[in-house]
N, C-alpha and C. Protein backbone atom coordinates (compact mmCIF):
# COMPACT_ATOMS: atom_id res chain seq x y z
N MET A 1 1.69 9.50 0.98
CA MET A 1 2.13 8.29 0.30
C MET A 1 3.27 8.63 -0.68
N ARG A 2 2.87 9.70 -1.49
CA ARG A 2 3.91 10.35 -2.56
C ARG A 2 5.09 10.74 -1.92
N MET A 3 4.91 11.34 -0.54
CA MET A 3 6.28 11.93 0.03
C MET A 3 7.12 10.60 0.46
N LEU A 4 6.28 9.57 1.24
CA LEU A 4 7.09 8.47 1.38
C LEU A 4 7.83 7.74 0.46
N SER A 5 6.98 7.55 -0.62
CA SER A 5 7.71 6.84 -2.02
C SER A 5 8.64 7.59 -2.71
N GLY A 6 8.86 9.16 -2.37
CA GLY A 6 9.79 9.89 -3.23
C GLY A 6 9.25 10.61 -4.19
N TYR A 7 7.97 10.51 -4.61
CA TYR A 7 7.52 11.39 -5.71
C TYR A 7 7.25 12.76 -5.29
N LEU A 8 7.05 13.09 -4.06
CA LEU A 8 6.84 14.46 -3.66
C LEU A 8 7.80 14.83 -2.68
N ARG A 9 8.58 15.89 -2.63
CA ARG A 9 9.47 16.46 -1.53
C ARG A 9 8.82 17.08 -0.42
N PRO A 10 8.97 16.48 0.73
CA PRO A 10 8.33 17.39 1.89
C PRO A 10 8.96 18.57 2.16
N ASP A 11 8.29 19.57 2.66
CA ASP A 11 9.05 20.81 2.97
C ASP A 11 9.52 20.94 4.43
N ALA A 12 9.28 19.81 5.17
CA ALA A 12 9.60 19.63 6.52
C ALA A 12 9.78 18.03 6.89
N GLY A 13 10.54 17.83 8.15
CA GLY A 13 10.58 16.60 8.25
C GLY A 13 11.43 15.75 7.43
N SER A 14 11.51 14.61 7.70
CA SER A 14 12.42 13.47 6.90
C SER A 14 11.73 12.33 6.82
N VAL A 15 12.42 11.26 5.80
CA VAL A 15 11.75 9.96 5.64
C VAL A 15 13.25 8.96 5.43
N ARG A 16 13.10 7.92 6.35
CA ARG A 16 14.08 7.01 6.42
C ARG A 16 13.50 5.59 5.94
N VAL A 17 14.01 4.74 5.11
CA VAL A 17 13.47 3.58 4.82
C VAL A 17 14.63 2.67 5.24
N GLY A 18 14.59 1.80 6.28
CA GLY A 18 15.46 0.87 6.65
C GLY A 18 16.74 1.61 7.09
N GLY A 19 16.68 2.75 7.63
CA GLY A 19 17.96 3.53 8.07
C GLY A 19 18.41 4.52 6.93
N VAL A 20 17.96 4.38 5.89
CA VAL A 20 18.43 5.13 4.57
C VAL A 20 17.54 6.30 4.40
N ASP A 21 18.26 7.66 4.50
CA ASP A 21 17.66 8.80 4.15
C ASP A 21 17.06 9.01 2.75
N LEU A 22 15.80 9.25 2.60
CA LEU A 22 15.26 9.24 1.34
C LEU A 22 15.86 10.66 0.48
N ALA A 23 16.04 11.65 1.23
CA ALA A 23 16.45 12.85 0.75
C ALA A 23 17.84 12.78 0.36
N GLN A 24 18.75 12.10 1.11
CA GLN A 24 20.24 12.12 0.96
C GLN A 24 20.75 10.95 -0.10
N GLN A 25 19.91 9.70 0.08
CA GLN A 25 20.31 8.68 -0.66
C GLN A 25 19.02 8.14 -1.50
N PRO A 26 18.40 8.91 -2.35
CA PRO A 26 17.08 8.47 -2.83
C PRO A 26 16.87 7.06 -3.66
N LEU A 27 18.06 6.91 -4.48
CA LEU A 27 18.06 5.69 -5.18
C LEU A 27 18.21 4.54 -4.40
N GLU A 28 19.17 4.52 -3.26
CA GLU A 28 19.18 3.40 -2.21
C GLU A 28 17.91 3.34 -1.44
N ALA A 29 17.13 4.32 -1.04
CA ALA A 29 15.93 4.20 -0.23
C ALA A 29 14.89 3.76 -1.23
N ARG A 30 14.66 3.95 -2.45
CA ARG A 30 13.84 3.54 -3.53
C ARG A 30 13.95 1.98 -3.89
N ARG A 31 15.29 1.79 -3.56
CA ARG A 31 15.43 0.21 -3.70
C ARG A 31 15.01 -0.85 -2.81
N ARG A 32 14.71 -0.17 -1.49
CA ARG A 32 13.97 -0.89 -0.43
C ARG A 32 12.62 -0.74 -0.39
N LEU A 33 12.15 0.00 -1.42
CA LEU A 33 10.66 0.22 -1.32
C LEU A 33 9.87 -0.37 -2.47
N GLY A 34 8.67 -1.03 -2.31
CA GLY A 34 7.76 -1.14 -3.35
C GLY A 34 6.69 -0.44 -3.15
N TYR A 35 5.97 -0.04 -4.30
CA TYR A 35 4.81 0.94 -4.15
C TYR A 35 3.85 0.50 -5.06
N LEU A 36 2.55 0.35 -4.48
CA LEU A 36 1.28 0.31 -5.13
C LEU A 36 0.49 1.62 -5.02
N PRO A 37 0.43 2.38 -6.16
CA PRO A 37 -0.41 3.56 -6.11
C PRO A 37 -1.92 3.03 -6.11
N GLU A 38 -2.58 4.17 -5.57
CA GLU A 38 -4.06 3.94 -5.71
C GLU A 38 -4.47 3.80 -7.32
N GLY A 39 -5.37 2.73 -7.40
CA GLY A 39 -5.94 2.26 -8.69
C GLY A 39 -5.04 1.32 -9.58
N ALA A 40 -3.70 1.08 -9.07
CA ALA A 40 -2.80 0.18 -9.52
C ALA A 40 -2.55 0.67 -11.07
N PRO A 41 -2.27 1.68 -11.48
CA PRO A 41 -2.20 1.93 -12.87
C PRO A 41 -1.12 1.18 -13.47
N ALA A 42 -1.40 0.91 -14.87
CA ALA A 42 -0.65 0.02 -15.61
C ALA A 42 -0.85 0.26 -17.07
N TYR A 43 -0.05 -0.34 -18.11
CA TYR A 43 -0.17 -0.02 -19.46
C TYR A 43 -1.18 -1.13 -19.67
N GLY A 44 -2.54 -0.96 -20.08
CA GLY A 44 -3.45 -1.72 -20.26
C GLY A 44 -3.32 -2.66 -21.52
N GLU A 45 -2.59 -2.23 -22.66
CA GLU A 45 -2.82 -2.74 -23.69
C GLU A 45 -1.49 -4.17 -23.54
N MET A 46 -0.76 -4.01 -22.60
CA MET A 46 0.24 -5.06 -22.29
C MET A 46 -0.24 -6.19 -21.73
N ARG A 47 0.29 -7.35 -21.89
CA ARG A 47 0.01 -8.57 -21.40
C ARG A 47 0.79 -8.68 -19.82
N VAL A 48 0.18 -9.30 -19.01
CA VAL A 48 0.50 -9.40 -17.47
C VAL A 48 2.09 -9.71 -17.62
N GLU A 49 2.61 -10.86 -18.20
CA GLU A 49 3.93 -11.26 -18.22
C GLU A 49 4.72 -10.12 -18.89
N ASP A 50 4.36 -9.51 -19.82
CA ASP A 50 5.38 -8.47 -20.64
C ASP A 50 5.40 -7.23 -19.76
N PHE A 51 4.37 -7.04 -19.19
CA PHE A 51 4.35 -5.61 -18.27
C PHE A 51 5.10 -5.85 -17.17
N LEU A 52 5.25 -7.11 -16.49
CA LEU A 52 6.21 -7.39 -15.29
C LEU A 52 7.64 -7.28 -15.78
N ALA A 53 7.79 -7.89 -17.19
CA ALA A 53 9.35 -7.92 -17.68
C ALA A 53 9.79 -6.52 -17.87
N PHE A 54 8.82 -5.60 -18.33
CA PHE A 54 9.17 -4.36 -18.58
C PHE A 54 9.66 -3.62 -17.17
N VAL A 55 8.71 -3.71 -16.36
CA VAL A 55 9.02 -3.25 -15.08
C VAL A 55 10.45 -3.72 -14.32
N ALA A 56 10.50 -5.20 -14.65
CA ALA A 56 11.79 -5.69 -14.10
C ALA A 56 13.02 -5.15 -14.73
N ARG A 57 12.94 -4.93 -15.98
CA ARG A 57 14.10 -4.11 -16.75
C ARG A 57 14.37 -2.85 -16.33
N ALA A 58 13.23 -2.10 -15.93
CA ALA A 58 13.29 -0.71 -15.49
C ALA A 58 14.01 -0.78 -14.12
N ARG A 59 13.78 -1.82 -13.31
CA ARG A 59 14.53 -1.92 -12.10
C ARG A 59 15.82 -2.33 -12.35
N GLY A 60 16.35 -2.55 -13.31
CA GLY A 60 17.86 -2.89 -13.67
C GLY A 60 18.32 -4.32 -14.01
N PHE A 61 17.07 -5.12 -13.88
CA PHE A 61 17.42 -6.72 -14.13
C PHE A 61 17.45 -6.89 -15.46
N ALA A 62 18.17 -8.12 -15.72
CA ALA A 62 18.42 -8.38 -17.20
C ALA A 62 18.33 -9.98 -17.34
N GLY A 63 18.15 -10.39 -18.58
CA GLY A 63 18.16 -11.75 -18.91
C GLY A 63 17.58 -12.56 -18.14
N ARG A 64 18.16 -13.79 -17.85
CA ARG A 64 17.60 -14.77 -16.91
C ARG A 64 16.94 -14.22 -15.50
N ASP A 65 17.55 -13.30 -15.10
CA ASP A 65 17.10 -12.72 -13.84
C ASP A 65 15.78 -12.06 -13.90
N VAL A 66 15.46 -11.38 -15.32
CA VAL A 66 14.04 -10.88 -15.40
C VAL A 66 13.01 -11.82 -15.34
N ARG A 67 13.27 -13.06 -16.10
CA ARG A 67 12.33 -14.23 -16.25
C ARG A 67 11.88 -14.88 -14.70
N GLN A 68 13.07 -14.93 -13.72
CA GLN A 68 12.90 -15.33 -12.52
C GLN A 68 12.22 -14.54 -11.72
N ARG A 69 12.48 -13.23 -11.88
CA ARG A 69 11.94 -12.02 -10.99
C ARG A 69 10.39 -12.25 -11.14
N VAL A 70 9.95 -12.22 -12.43
CA VAL A 70 8.53 -12.14 -13.13
C VAL A 70 7.91 -13.31 -12.63
N ALA A 71 8.60 -14.61 -12.69
CA ALA A 71 7.97 -15.82 -12.25
C ALA A 71 7.66 -15.65 -10.72
N ASP A 72 8.74 -15.40 -10.07
CA ASP A 72 8.45 -15.33 -8.54
C ASP A 72 7.26 -14.33 -8.24
N ALA A 73 7.31 -13.16 -8.64
CA ALA A 73 6.28 -12.21 -8.29
C ALA A 73 5.02 -12.70 -8.52
N MET A 74 4.67 -13.30 -9.90
CA MET A 74 3.42 -13.78 -10.34
C MET A 74 3.11 -15.04 -9.23
N ALA A 75 3.72 -15.86 -8.83
CA ALA A 75 3.69 -16.79 -7.92
C ALA A 75 3.00 -16.35 -6.64
N LYS A 76 3.77 -15.32 -6.09
CA LYS A 76 3.36 -14.91 -4.86
C LYS A 76 2.02 -14.37 -4.78
N VAL A 77 1.52 -13.79 -6.08
CA VAL A 77 0.27 -13.28 -6.02
C VAL A 77 -0.89 -14.14 -6.78
N HIS A 78 -0.42 -15.29 -7.22
CA HIS A 78 -1.17 -16.30 -8.00
C HIS A 78 -1.84 -15.75 -9.29
N LEU A 79 -0.88 -15.18 -10.01
CA LEU A 79 -1.03 -14.57 -11.34
C LEU A 79 -0.83 -15.47 -12.42
N GLY A 80 -0.34 -16.58 -12.26
CA GLY A 80 0.38 -17.51 -13.20
C GLY A 80 -0.52 -17.78 -14.22
N SER A 81 -1.60 -18.00 -14.17
CA SER A 81 -2.83 -18.60 -15.10
C SER A 81 -3.04 -17.40 -16.09
N TYR A 82 -2.80 -16.06 -15.49
CA TYR A 82 -3.05 -14.87 -16.41
C TYR A 82 -2.12 -14.33 -16.96
N ALA A 83 -0.85 -14.76 -17.24
CA ALA A 83 0.50 -14.25 -17.47
C ALA A 83 0.31 -13.79 -18.85
N GLY A 84 -0.61 -14.47 -19.69
CA GLY A 84 -0.51 -13.98 -21.29
C GLY A 84 -1.78 -13.13 -21.41
N GLN A 85 -2.58 -12.82 -20.33
CA GLN A 85 -3.79 -11.93 -20.57
C GLN A 85 -3.44 -10.45 -20.56
N ARG A 86 -4.15 -9.72 -21.51
CA ARG A 86 -3.95 -8.32 -21.44
C ARG A 86 -4.53 -7.72 -20.21
N ILE A 87 -3.78 -6.56 -19.41
CA ILE A 87 -4.14 -6.07 -18.27
C ILE A 87 -5.53 -5.39 -18.31
N GLU A 88 -5.85 -4.78 -19.42
CA GLU A 88 -7.24 -4.13 -19.73
C GLU A 88 -8.59 -5.06 -19.42
N THR A 89 -8.11 -6.40 -19.80
CA THR A 89 -9.24 -7.29 -19.67
C THR A 89 -9.14 -8.09 -18.22
N LEU A 90 -8.27 -7.67 -17.42
CA LEU A 90 -8.50 -8.19 -16.14
C LEU A 90 -9.57 -7.84 -15.26
N SER A 91 -9.97 -8.57 -14.26
CA SER A 91 -10.88 -7.92 -13.14
C SER A 91 -10.04 -6.91 -12.41
N LYS A 92 -10.74 -6.09 -11.66
CA LYS A 92 -10.04 -5.01 -10.80
C LYS A 92 -9.26 -5.88 -9.85
N GLY A 93 -9.63 -6.95 -9.29
CA GLY A 93 -8.90 -7.75 -8.34
C GLY A 93 -7.62 -8.08 -8.95
N TYR A 94 -7.80 -8.50 -10.04
CA TYR A 94 -6.48 -9.03 -10.68
C TYR A 94 -5.52 -7.92 -11.19
N ARG A 95 -6.22 -6.77 -11.56
CA ARG A 95 -5.36 -5.81 -11.82
C ARG A 95 -4.65 -5.44 -10.52
N ARG A 96 -5.21 -5.11 -9.45
CA ARG A 96 -4.53 -5.07 -8.20
C ARG A 96 -3.43 -6.15 -7.91
N ARG A 97 -3.56 -7.34 -8.25
CA ARG A 97 -2.61 -8.15 -8.09
C ARG A 97 -1.43 -7.98 -8.96
N THR A 98 -1.74 -7.53 -10.14
CA THR A 98 -0.69 -7.20 -11.21
C THR A 98 0.14 -6.04 -10.56
N GLY A 99 -0.65 -5.00 -9.97
CA GLY A 99 0.24 -3.83 -9.35
C GLY A 99 0.97 -4.27 -8.23
N ILE A 100 0.54 -5.22 -7.61
CA ILE A 100 1.25 -5.80 -6.26
C ILE A 100 2.61 -6.39 -6.76
N ALA A 101 2.31 -7.35 -7.82
CA ALA A 101 3.42 -8.00 -8.40
C ALA A 101 4.63 -6.92 -8.89
N GLN A 102 4.32 -6.24 -9.52
CA GLN A 102 5.35 -5.13 -10.00
C GLN A 102 5.82 -4.54 -8.84
N ALA A 103 5.28 -4.34 -7.53
CA ALA A 103 5.91 -3.85 -6.31
C ALA A 103 6.79 -4.60 -5.75
N LEU A 104 6.56 -5.99 -5.91
CA LEU A 104 7.34 -7.00 -5.24
C LEU A 104 8.45 -7.54 -6.18
N LEU A 105 8.59 -7.13 -7.34
CA LEU A 105 9.75 -7.76 -8.28
C LEU A 105 11.06 -7.67 -7.78
N HIS A 106 11.41 -6.84 -7.10
CA HIS A 106 12.98 -6.51 -6.49
C HIS A 106 12.86 -6.97 -5.11
N ASP A 107 11.94 -7.62 -4.64
CA ASP A 107 11.95 -8.26 -3.15
C ASP A 107 12.00 -7.02 -2.03
N PRO A 108 11.58 -6.00 -2.15
CA PRO A 108 11.82 -4.95 -1.00
C PRO A 108 11.46 -5.26 0.33
N PRO A 109 12.07 -4.71 1.36
CA PRO A 109 11.56 -5.03 2.62
C PRO A 109 10.59 -4.14 3.19
N VAL A 110 10.34 -3.19 2.30
CA VAL A 110 9.06 -2.27 2.73
C VAL A 110 8.04 -2.01 1.54
N LEU A 111 6.95 -2.53 1.82
CA LEU A 111 5.79 -2.29 0.88
C LEU A 111 4.65 -1.15 1.09
N ILE A 112 4.57 -0.09 0.26
CA ILE A 112 3.67 0.72 0.43
C ILE A 112 2.56 0.68 -0.48
N MET A 113 1.28 0.43 0.09
CA MET A 113 0.02 0.11 -0.77
C MET A 113 -1.10 1.25 -0.50
N ASP A 114 -1.45 1.99 -1.47
CA ASP A 114 -2.38 2.93 -1.42
C ASP A 114 -3.91 2.37 -1.72
N GLU A 115 -4.69 2.51 -0.77
CA GLU A 115 -6.12 2.03 -1.17
C GLU A 115 -6.13 0.69 -1.77
N PRO A 116 -5.60 -0.44 -1.54
CA PRO A 116 -5.39 -1.57 -2.37
C PRO A 116 -6.83 -2.21 -2.65
N THR A 117 -7.91 -1.98 -1.86
CA THR A 117 -9.14 -2.75 -2.05
C THR A 117 -10.19 -2.00 -2.38
N ASP A 118 -9.80 -0.59 -2.80
CA ASP A 118 -11.00 0.41 -3.38
C ASP A 118 -11.58 -0.16 -4.67
N GLY A 119 -12.77 -0.29 -4.56
CA GLY A 119 -13.66 -0.47 -5.83
C GLY A 119 -13.84 -2.02 -5.94
N LEU A 120 -13.22 -2.96 -4.89
CA LEU A 120 -13.43 -4.26 -5.32
C LEU A 120 -14.75 -4.80 -4.74
N ASP A 121 -15.18 -5.89 -5.14
CA ASP A 121 -16.37 -6.60 -4.58
C ASP A 121 -15.77 -7.45 -3.47
N PRO A 122 -16.88 -7.87 -2.37
CA PRO A 122 -16.48 -8.55 -1.51
C PRO A 122 -15.51 -9.69 -1.43
N ASN A 123 -15.62 -10.40 -2.58
CA ASN A 123 -14.70 -11.50 -2.74
C ASN A 123 -13.37 -11.19 -3.03
N GLN A 124 -13.33 -10.16 -4.08
CA GLN A 124 -11.94 -9.70 -4.48
C GLN A 124 -11.32 -9.19 -3.31
N LYS A 125 -12.09 -8.28 -2.30
CA LYS A 125 -11.60 -7.57 -1.20
C LYS A 125 -10.92 -8.71 -0.31
N PHE A 126 -11.70 -9.90 -0.03
CA PHE A 126 -11.30 -10.92 0.90
C PHE A 126 -9.84 -11.43 0.25
N GLU A 127 -9.78 -11.56 -1.14
CA GLU A 127 -8.50 -12.06 -1.72
C GLU A 127 -7.39 -11.21 -1.41
N VAL A 128 -7.54 -10.02 -1.61
CA VAL A 128 -6.42 -9.03 -1.57
C VAL A 128 -6.04 -8.89 0.02
N ARG A 129 -7.02 -8.90 0.76
CA ARG A 129 -6.76 -8.65 2.31
C ARG A 129 -5.81 -10.07 2.70
N GLN A 130 -6.36 -11.13 2.22
CA GLN A 130 -5.34 -12.41 2.56
C GLN A 130 -4.06 -12.25 1.99
N LEU A 131 -3.97 -11.65 0.85
CA LEU A 131 -2.57 -11.49 0.16
C LEU A 131 -1.87 -10.46 1.00
N VAL A 132 -2.17 -9.41 1.49
CA VAL A 132 -1.49 -8.47 2.46
C VAL A 132 -1.23 -9.11 3.45
N ARG A 133 -2.01 -9.72 4.26
CA ARG A 133 -1.72 -10.43 5.61
C ARG A 133 -0.43 -11.63 5.38
N THR A 134 -0.56 -12.22 4.24
CA THR A 134 0.72 -13.08 3.79
C THR A 134 1.87 -12.05 3.48
N LEU A 135 1.91 -11.17 2.94
CA LEU A 135 3.07 -10.26 2.59
C LEU A 135 3.49 -9.81 3.81
N GLY A 136 2.80 -9.46 4.77
CA GLY A 136 3.27 -8.82 6.05
C GLY A 136 4.02 -9.79 7.01
N HIS A 137 3.89 -10.99 6.60
CA HIS A 137 5.00 -12.13 7.43
C HIS A 137 6.45 -11.73 7.35
N ASP A 138 6.86 -11.32 6.19
CA ASP A 138 8.26 -11.12 6.14
C ASP A 138 8.62 -9.91 5.59
N ARG A 139 7.89 -8.65 5.60
CA ARG A 139 8.15 -7.45 5.27
C ARG A 139 7.25 -6.48 5.80
N ALA A 140 7.58 -5.29 5.95
CA ALA A 140 6.83 -4.18 6.47
C ALA A 140 5.92 -3.70 5.28
N VAL A 141 4.42 -3.70 5.78
CA VAL A 141 3.63 -3.28 4.80
C VAL A 141 2.79 -2.08 5.24
N LEU A 142 3.08 -0.99 4.57
CA LEU A 142 2.08 0.28 4.97
C LEU A 142 0.91 0.53 3.98
N LEU A 143 -0.15 0.41 4.82
CA LEU A 143 -1.44 0.50 4.01
C LEU A 143 -2.13 1.81 4.23
N SER A 144 -2.63 2.38 3.11
CA SER A 144 -3.52 3.58 3.45
C SER A 144 -4.75 3.29 2.99
N THR A 145 -5.78 3.64 3.70
CA THR A 145 -7.11 3.06 3.46
C THR A 145 -8.12 4.08 4.16
N HIS A 146 -9.23 4.27 3.50
CA HIS A 146 -10.41 4.83 4.04
C HIS A 146 -11.44 4.05 4.64
N ILE A 147 -11.26 2.62 4.22
CA ILE A 147 -12.25 1.55 4.54
C ILE A 147 -11.73 1.04 6.00
N LEU A 148 -12.43 1.35 7.07
CA LEU A 148 -12.11 1.19 8.23
C LEU A 148 -12.14 -0.12 8.62
N GLU A 149 -12.96 -1.31 7.97
CA GLU A 149 -13.13 -2.43 8.23
C GLU A 149 -11.53 -3.13 7.81
N GLU A 150 -11.00 -2.64 6.89
CA GLU A 150 -9.80 -3.10 6.56
C GLU A 150 -8.66 -3.02 7.56
N VAL A 151 -8.77 -1.92 8.57
CA VAL A 151 -7.87 -1.75 9.79
C VAL A 151 -8.01 -3.04 10.43
N GLU A 152 -9.26 -3.52 10.83
CA GLU A 152 -9.48 -4.61 11.72
C GLU A 152 -9.26 -5.93 10.95
N ALA A 153 -9.25 -5.89 9.63
CA ALA A 153 -8.81 -7.15 8.90
C ALA A 153 -7.54 -7.41 8.87
N VAL A 154 -6.60 -6.44 8.66
CA VAL A 154 -5.25 -6.84 8.14
C VAL A 154 -4.18 -6.07 9.03
N CYS A 155 -4.47 -5.18 9.90
CA CYS A 155 -3.53 -4.21 10.33
C CYS A 155 -3.07 -4.79 11.89
N THR A 156 -1.85 -4.50 11.99
CA THR A 156 -1.41 -4.70 13.55
C THR A 156 -1.14 -3.41 14.24
N ARG A 157 -1.16 -2.45 13.49
CA ARG A 157 -0.84 -0.76 13.93
C ARG A 157 -1.75 -0.01 13.15
N ALA A 158 -2.35 0.98 13.78
CA ALA A 158 -3.13 1.95 12.94
C ALA A 158 -2.80 3.51 13.38
N VAL A 159 -2.60 4.23 12.37
CA VAL A 159 -2.32 5.59 12.43
C VAL A 159 -3.38 6.35 11.92
N VAL A 160 -3.97 7.42 12.56
CA VAL A 160 -5.00 8.29 12.01
C VAL A 160 -4.39 9.64 11.66
N LEU A 161 -4.59 10.17 10.52
CA LEU A 161 -4.02 11.45 10.23
C LEU A 161 -5.16 12.57 10.09
N HIS A 162 -5.11 13.80 10.60
CA HIS A 162 -6.03 14.77 10.23
C HIS A 162 -5.23 15.90 9.93
N ARG A 163 -5.61 16.52 8.57
CA ARG A 163 -4.87 17.56 8.29
C ARG A 163 -3.49 17.88 8.47
N GLY A 164 -2.82 16.36 8.16
CA GLY A 164 -1.31 16.51 8.17
C GLY A 164 -0.85 16.04 9.41
N ALA A 165 -1.65 15.96 10.42
CA ALA A 165 -1.05 15.70 11.68
C ALA A 165 -1.46 14.46 12.42
N THR A 166 -0.76 13.80 13.35
CA THR A 166 -1.28 12.38 13.81
C THR A 166 -2.13 12.56 14.80
N VAL A 167 -3.32 12.03 14.81
CA VAL A 167 -4.30 12.27 15.86
C VAL A 167 -4.47 10.83 16.62
N PHE A 168 -3.98 9.77 16.15
CA PHE A 168 -3.95 8.59 17.00
C PHE A 168 -2.75 7.77 16.28
N ASP A 169 -2.11 6.92 17.18
CA ASP A 169 -1.06 6.06 16.94
C ASP A 169 -1.10 4.91 17.86
N GLY A 170 -1.61 3.59 17.49
CA GLY A 170 -1.71 2.51 18.37
C GLY A 170 -2.29 1.33 17.46
N THR A 171 -2.85 0.35 18.51
CA THR A 171 -3.41 -0.84 17.88
C THR A 171 -4.54 -0.63 17.32
N PRO A 172 -5.26 -1.52 16.37
CA PRO A 172 -6.71 -1.52 15.97
C PRO A 172 -7.54 -1.61 17.43
N LYS A 173 -7.28 -2.65 18.16
CA LYS A 173 -8.11 -2.85 19.53
C LYS A 173 -8.08 -1.46 20.26
N GLU A 174 -6.87 -0.65 20.41
CA GLU A 174 -6.74 0.34 21.25
C GLU A 174 -7.73 1.39 20.47
N LEU A 175 -7.56 1.52 19.00
CA LEU A 175 -8.49 2.52 18.36
C LEU A 175 -10.10 2.05 18.64
N ASP A 176 -10.44 0.74 18.51
CA ASP A 176 -11.79 0.47 19.07
C ASP A 176 -12.21 0.81 20.14
N ALA A 177 -11.40 0.88 21.15
CA ALA A 177 -11.35 1.09 22.67
C ALA A 177 -11.98 2.64 22.97
N LEU A 178 -11.79 3.54 21.90
CA LEU A 178 -12.14 4.72 22.11
C LEU A 178 -13.51 4.87 21.95
N ALA A 179 -14.28 4.20 21.23
CA ALA A 179 -15.48 4.38 21.12
C ALA A 179 -16.49 3.79 22.41
N PRO A 180 -17.71 4.61 22.49
CA PRO A 180 -18.41 4.32 23.78
C PRO A 180 -18.78 2.70 23.89
N GLN A 181 -18.98 2.28 24.87
CA GLN A 181 -19.61 0.81 24.86
C GLN A 181 -20.93 0.61 24.38
N SER A 182 -21.82 1.84 24.41
CA SER A 182 -23.11 1.65 23.97
C SER A 182 -23.28 1.51 22.37
N ILE A 183 -22.10 2.04 21.77
CA ILE A 183 -22.18 1.80 20.07
C ILE A 183 -21.52 0.26 19.85
N THR A 184 -22.50 -0.37 19.23
CA THR A 184 -22.24 -1.86 18.88
C THR A 184 -21.77 -2.00 17.38
N HIS A 185 -22.34 -1.12 16.61
CA HIS A 185 -22.01 -1.11 15.11
C HIS A 185 -21.19 0.11 14.80
N GLY A 186 -20.30 -0.01 13.83
CA GLY A 186 -19.70 1.11 13.29
C GLY A 186 -18.80 1.69 14.20
N ARG A 187 -18.17 1.10 15.13
CA ARG A 187 -17.46 1.72 16.13
C ARG A 187 -16.10 2.49 15.75
N LEU A 188 -15.40 1.95 14.74
CA LEU A 188 -14.34 2.56 14.23
C LEU A 188 -14.71 3.84 13.27
N ASP A 189 -16.06 3.75 12.72
CA ASP A 189 -16.41 4.89 12.17
C ASP A 189 -16.50 6.15 13.14
N HIS A 190 -17.18 5.57 14.10
CA HIS A 190 -17.72 6.58 15.18
C HIS A 190 -16.21 7.34 15.66
N VAL A 191 -15.28 6.59 16.03
CA VAL A 191 -14.00 7.11 16.46
C VAL A 191 -13.25 8.05 15.31
N PHE A 192 -13.49 7.46 14.27
CA PHE A 192 -12.65 8.22 13.16
C PHE A 192 -13.38 9.61 13.11
N ARG A 193 -14.72 9.67 12.99
CA ARG A 193 -15.56 11.02 13.05
C ARG A 193 -15.29 11.88 14.28
N THR A 194 -14.89 11.04 15.27
CA THR A 194 -14.58 11.90 16.60
C THR A 194 -13.15 12.37 16.31
N LEU A 195 -12.29 11.85 15.67
CA LEU A 195 -11.04 12.20 15.63
C LEU A 195 -10.59 13.33 14.67
N THR A 196 -11.49 13.28 13.46
CA THR A 196 -11.19 14.00 12.52
C THR A 196 -12.16 14.97 11.83
N GLY A 197 -13.30 14.90 12.74
CA GLY A 197 -14.57 15.77 12.60
C GLY A 197 -14.21 17.44 12.62
N THR A 198 -15.31 18.09 12.36
CA THR A 198 -15.04 19.58 12.46
C THR A 198 -14.58 19.96 13.88
N ARG A 199 -15.02 19.35 14.83
CA ARG A 199 -14.65 19.81 16.23
C ARG A 199 -13.21 19.32 16.66
N ALA A 200 -12.63 18.57 15.77
CA ALA A 200 -11.26 17.89 16.11
C ALA A 200 -10.30 18.98 16.07
N ALA A 201 -9.39 19.19 16.76
CA ALA A 201 -8.44 20.23 17.05
C ALA A 201 -7.45 20.10 15.73
N ALA A 202 -7.35 21.40 14.87
CA ALA A 202 -6.45 21.24 13.66
C ALA A 202 -5.04 21.63 13.98
N PRO A 203 -4.24 21.12 13.32
CA PRO A 203 -2.85 21.45 13.42
C PRO A 203 -2.53 23.05 13.21
N SER A 204 -1.52 23.73 13.53
CA SER A 204 -1.42 25.06 13.49
C SER A 204 -0.66 25.35 12.15
N THR A 205 -0.26 24.28 11.39
CA THR A 205 0.51 24.78 10.01
C THR A 205 -0.17 23.90 9.06
N THR A 206 -0.25 24.33 7.66
CA THR A 206 -0.58 23.53 6.64
C THR A 206 0.41 23.08 5.82
N ARG A 207 1.69 23.32 6.32
CA ARG A 207 2.96 22.75 5.34
C ARG A 207 2.86 21.24 5.21
N ARG A 208 3.27 20.76 4.17
CA ARG A 208 3.51 19.38 3.96
C ARG A 208 4.53 18.80 4.90
N ARG A 209 4.34 17.84 5.75
CA ARG A 209 5.23 17.27 6.52
C ARG A 209 5.30 15.72 6.26
N ALA A 210 6.47 15.11 6.27
CA ALA A 210 6.81 13.72 6.24
C ALA A 210 6.65 13.15 7.38
């Protein structure tokens, strides 16, 4: 995720965002990306609206445009009633929403989300998953997760990585079909263990690849 978002330079391969090479045109590629890191880090002492305004200004917006961007982002993730609340006092679910809002401020065509529901209770997970599905209607959403029920809940395509190599690339239905019919519970868990367990073939290189 860090390589795709430009934080870590790969030593092999390349990344293109909407046809723009991240290594050759890093600023232009990043303008097309929204990024939610794992844990949705933010400045806890800041109020939600102030934090989002700070991020908007860092993105290069000014004046009335900042206020409009913040209002639009909060509306998309239903944060309006929490605008004046300090981030450190929010529930994990609403801290995630704040993180998603900052990633959406510049209306990017590509959104990268790292473990967006990690540590959330079932109600919060449901709300964030609903939000991710909605966001996927008008943009590409790349979701990283170890919670396999998430794949079935929100994904239209699943890629399984093992030691830096792709061991599966297809639909969630195709992933589920790899499990024996005799397994009725935890089918994706079984497939994941089969694809990434100690018996799975390891790639011949340990180099970082995009």
